Amino acid sequence: MTGYRAIPELLEEYMQDHDGAGLWVTVPEFRTFFAMDVYASPAIAGFFRRLYQGPFFTCPYRVARIEKLIVTTPHTRTIKRYYITRRPGPRDKRGTRPADARSNTHQ
C-alpha cells in the first residue's frame, strides 16, 4: 500500500458521496469512482480486508461482511464485495456512548 496511502481518505469521500450509510462496494466500483488504474486493486482489496479483520484507527469505517460473487460477463470470474458501515463511536468507562450519556439526566 505504499503508493496508495490515501485510500482511507478516499473511502471517507466515497462513503460521504453515497450517503454514508452501510453499502456494498466492489474494488472495481471503487477504482472507477476515483479513476484509478487496475494496479491499485490489490492495495484497495488489502485495505478492505484489513478493515474486516479489525479496526483501523484513522478510518471511521469498517467492513462488516465480505461476499464472493460469480460474474459471467465478459468472462467467468469471482469478485468480492465488501459491506462497509460506519464504526460505532467510542464508549466511556460506564459502557455508554457519549451521545447516550448526554441524554441521561440525573435528578
C-alpha atoms as a PDB file:
ATOM      1  CA  MET A   1       0.000   0.000   0.000  1.00  0.00           C
ATOM      2  CA  THR A   2       2.988   2.305  -0.228  1.00  0.00           C
ATOM      3  CA  GLY A   3       1.715   4.074  -3.347  1.00  0.00           C
ATOM      4  CA  TYR A   4      -1.868   4.382  -2.121  1.00  0.00           C
ATOM      5  CA  ARG A   5      -1.723   5.836   1.368  1.00  0.00           C
ATOM      6  CA  ALA A   6      -4.742   7.981   0.554  1.00  0.00           C
ATOM      7  CA  ILE A   7      -7.167   5.040   0.473  1.00  0.00           C
ATOM      8  CA  PRO A   8      -8.650   5.804   3.953  1.00  0.00           C
ATOM      9  CA  GLU A   9      -9.393   9.386   2.875  1.00  0.00           C
ATOM     10  CA  LEU A  10     -10.775   8.193  -0.454  1.00  0.00           C
ATOM     11  CA  LEU A  11     -13.036   5.745   1.371  1.00  0.00           C
ATOM     12  CA  GLU A  12     -14.382   8.562   3.552  1.00  0.00           C
ATOM     13  CA  GLU A  13     -15.090  10.642   0.445  1.00  0.00           C
ATOM     14  CA  TYR A  14     -16.747   7.671  -1.276  1.00  0.00           C
ATOM     15  CA  MET A  15     -18.994   6.968   1.705  1.00  0.00           C
ATOM     16  CA  GLN A  16     -19.976  10.630   2.068  1.00  0.00           C
ATOM     17  CA  ASP A  17     -20.894  10.787  -1.620  1.00  0.00           C
ATOM     18  CA  HIS A  18     -23.090   7.713  -1.130  1.00  0.00           C
ATOM     19  CA  ASP A  19     -24.945   8.988   1.982  1.00  0.00           C
ATOM     20  CA  GLY A  20     -22.509   7.383   4.446  1.00  0.00           C
ATOM     21  CA  ALA A  21     -24.889   4.548   5.340  1.00  0.00           C
ATOM     22  CA  GLY A  22     -23.884   0.918   5.035  1.00  0.00           C
ATOM     23  CA  LEU A  23     -23.391  -0.130   1.434  1.00  0.00           C
ATOM     24  CA  TRP A  24     -21.882  -2.859  -0.683  1.00  0.00           C
ATOM     25  CA  VAL A  25     -18.718  -1.888  -2.567  1.00  0.00           C
ATOM     26  CA  THR A  26     -16.564  -3.815  -5.017  1.00  0.00           C
ATOM     27  CA  VAL A  27     -12.968  -2.916  -5.804  1.00  0.00           C
ATOM     28  CA  PRO A  28     -13.772  -2.183  -9.499  1.00  0.00           C
ATOM     29  CA  GLU A  29     -16.566   0.216  -8.441  1.00  0.00           C
ATOM     30  CA  PHE A  30     -14.219   1.979  -6.038  1.00  0.00           C
ATOM     31  CA  ARG A  31     -11.462   2.212  -8.675  1.00  0.00           C
ATOM     32  CA  THR A  32     -13.869   3.519 -11.313  1.00  0.00           C
ATOM     33  CA  PHE A  33     -15.285   6.168  -8.975  1.00  0.00           C
ATOM     34  CA  PHE A  34     -11.805   7.651  -8.441  1.00  0.00           C
ATOM     35  CA  ALA A  35     -10.462   6.887 -11.954  1.00  0.00           C
ATOM     36  CA  MET A  36      -7.661   4.719 -10.554  1.00  0.00           C
ATOM     37  CA  ASP A  37      -5.787   2.237 -12.697  1.00  0.00           C
ATOM     38  CA  VAL A  38      -6.054  -1.528 -12.356  1.00  0.00           C
ATOM     39  CA  TYR A  39      -2.748  -1.671 -10.456  1.00  0.00           C
ATOM     40  CA  ALA A  40      -4.445  -0.083  -7.440  1.00  0.00           C
ATOM     41  CA  SER A  41      -6.752  -3.101  -6.989  1.00  0.00           C
ATOM     42  CA  PRO A  42      -4.501  -5.158  -4.661  1.00  0.00           C
ATOM     43  CA  ALA A  43      -3.954  -2.161  -2.376  1.00  0.00           C
ATOM     44  CA  ILE A  44      -7.689  -1.397  -2.207  1.00  0.00           C
ATOM     45  CA  ALA A  45      -8.625  -5.037  -1.592  1.00  0.00           C
ATOM     46  CA  GLY A  46      -5.899  -5.305   1.052  1.00  0.00           C
ATOM     47  CA  PHE A  47      -7.169  -2.220   2.846  1.00  0.00           C
ATOM     48  CA  PHE A  48     -10.761  -3.521   2.798  1.00  0.00           C
ATOM     49  CA  ARG A  49      -9.544  -6.881   4.151  1.00  0.00           C
ATOM     50  CA  ARG A  50      -7.673  -5.024   6.919  1.00  0.00           C
ATOM     51  CA  LEU A  51     -10.873  -3.159   7.850  1.00  0.00           C
ATOM     52  CA  TYR A  52     -12.645  -6.527   8.035  1.00  0.00           C
ATOM     53  CA  GLN A  53     -10.047  -8.067  10.339  1.00  0.00           C
ATOM     54  CA  GLY A  54     -10.022  -5.250  12.872  1.00  0.00           C
ATOM     55  CA  PRO A  55     -10.262  -1.513  13.429  1.00  0.00           C
ATOM     56  CA  PHE A  56      -8.011   0.844  11.539  1.00  0.00           C
ATOM     57  CA  PHE A  57      -7.915   3.832  13.850  1.00  0.00           C
ATOM     58  CA  THR A  58      -7.522   6.533  11.207  1.00  0.00           C
ATOM     59  CA  CYS A  59     -10.603   5.314   9.343  1.00  0.00           C
ATOM     60  CA  PRO A  60     -14.124   5.717  10.800  1.00  0.00           C
ATOM     61  CA  TYR A  61     -15.484   2.823   8.719  1.00  0.00           C
ATOM     62  CA  ARG A  62     -15.316  -0.940   8.988  1.00  0.00           C
ATOM     63  CA  VAL A  63     -16.074  -3.850   6.698  1.00  0.00           C
ATOM     64  CA  ALA A  64     -18.860  -5.818   8.339  1.00  0.00           C
ATOM     65  CA  ARG A  65     -19.142  -8.553   5.729  1.00  0.00           C
ATOM     66  CA  ILE A  66     -17.414  -9.931   2.625  1.00  0.00           C
ATOM     67  CA  GLU A  67     -19.238 -11.917  -0.051  1.00  0.00           C
ATOM     68  CA  LYS A  68     -17.978 -13.611  -3.195  1.00  0.00           C
ATOM     69  CA  LEU A  69     -19.881 -13.018  -6.432  1.00  0.00           C
ATOM     70  CA  ILE A  70     -19.525 -15.006  -9.634  1.00  0.00           C
ATOM     71  CA  VAL A  71     -19.645 -12.714 -12.652  1.00  0.00           C
ATOM     72  CA  THR A  72     -20.071 -14.273 -16.085  1.00  0.00           C
ATOM     73  CA  THR A  73     -19.660 -11.257 -18.373  1.00  0.00           C
ATOM     74  CA  PRO A  74     -17.391 -10.809 -20.265  1.00  0.00           C
ATOM     75  CA  HIS A  75     -15.794 -13.960 -18.806  1.00  0.00           C
ATOM     76  CA  THR A  76     -16.414 -16.007 -15.681  1.00  0.00           C
ATOM     77  CA  ARG A  77     -14.600 -14.687 -12.622  1.00  0.00           C
ATOM     78  CA  THR A  78     -15.101 -14.254  -8.893  1.00  0.00           C
ATOM     79  CA  ILE A  79     -15.376 -10.777  -7.399  1.00  0.00           C
ATOM     80  CA  LYS A  80     -15.564  -9.935  -3.714  1.00  0.00           C
ATOM     81  CA  ARG A  81     -17.911  -7.270  -2.474  1.00  0.00           C
ATOM     82  CA  TYR A  82     -17.490  -5.577   0.873  1.00  0.00           C
ATOM     83  CA  TYR A  83     -20.266  -4.287   3.136  1.00  0.00           C
ATOM     84  CA  ILE A  84     -18.883  -1.079   4.602  1.00  0.00           C
ATOM     85  CA  THR A  85     -20.504   0.610   7.604  1.00  0.00           C
ATOM     86  CA  ARG A  86     -19.549   3.379   9.979  1.00  0.00           C
ATOM     87  CA  ARG A  87     -17.761   2.225  13.108  1.00  0.00           C
ATOM     88  CA  PRO A  88     -19.672   2.813  16.363  1.00  0.00           C
ATOM     89  CA  GLY A  89     -18.433   5.725  18.437  1.00  0.00           C
ATOM     90  CA  PRO A  90     -16.204   5.248  21.473  1.00  0.00           C
ATOM     91  CA  ARG A  91     -17.670   4.245  24.825  1.00  0.00           C
ATOM     92  CA  ASP A  92     -16.902   5.841  28.139  1.00  0.00           C
ATOM     93  CA  LYS A  93     -15.946   3.886  31.265  1.00  0.00           C
ATOM     94  CA  ARG A  94     -19.590   3.259  32.187  1.00  0.00           C
ATOM     95  CA  GLY A  95     -20.189   1.466  28.881  1.00  0.00           C
ATOM     96  CA  THR A  96     -22.384   4.123  27.291  1.00  0.00           C
ATOM     97  CA  ARG A  97     -21.717   6.164  24.207  1.00  0.00           C
ATOM     98  CA  PRO A  98     -21.159   9.912  24.657  1.00  0.00           C
ATOM     99  CA  ALA A  99     -24.481  10.766  22.952  1.00  0.00           C
ATOM    100  CA  ASP A 100     -26.309   8.381  25.318  1.00  0.00           C
ATOM    101  CA  ALA A 101     -24.609   9.896  28.357  1.00  0.00           C
ATOM    102  CA  ARG A 102     -25.840  13.383  27.466  1.00  0.00           C
ATOM    103  CA  SER A 103     -29.428  12.210  27.102  1.00  0.00           C
ATOM    104  CA  ASN A 104     -29.465  10.641  30.575  1.00  0.00           C
ATOM    105  CA  THR A 105     -30.108  13.345  33.124  1.00  0.00           C
ATOM    106  CA  HIS A 106     -29.505  12.565  36.766  1.00  0.00           C
ATOM    107  CA  GLN A 107     -32.073  14.123  39.097  1.00  0.00           C
END
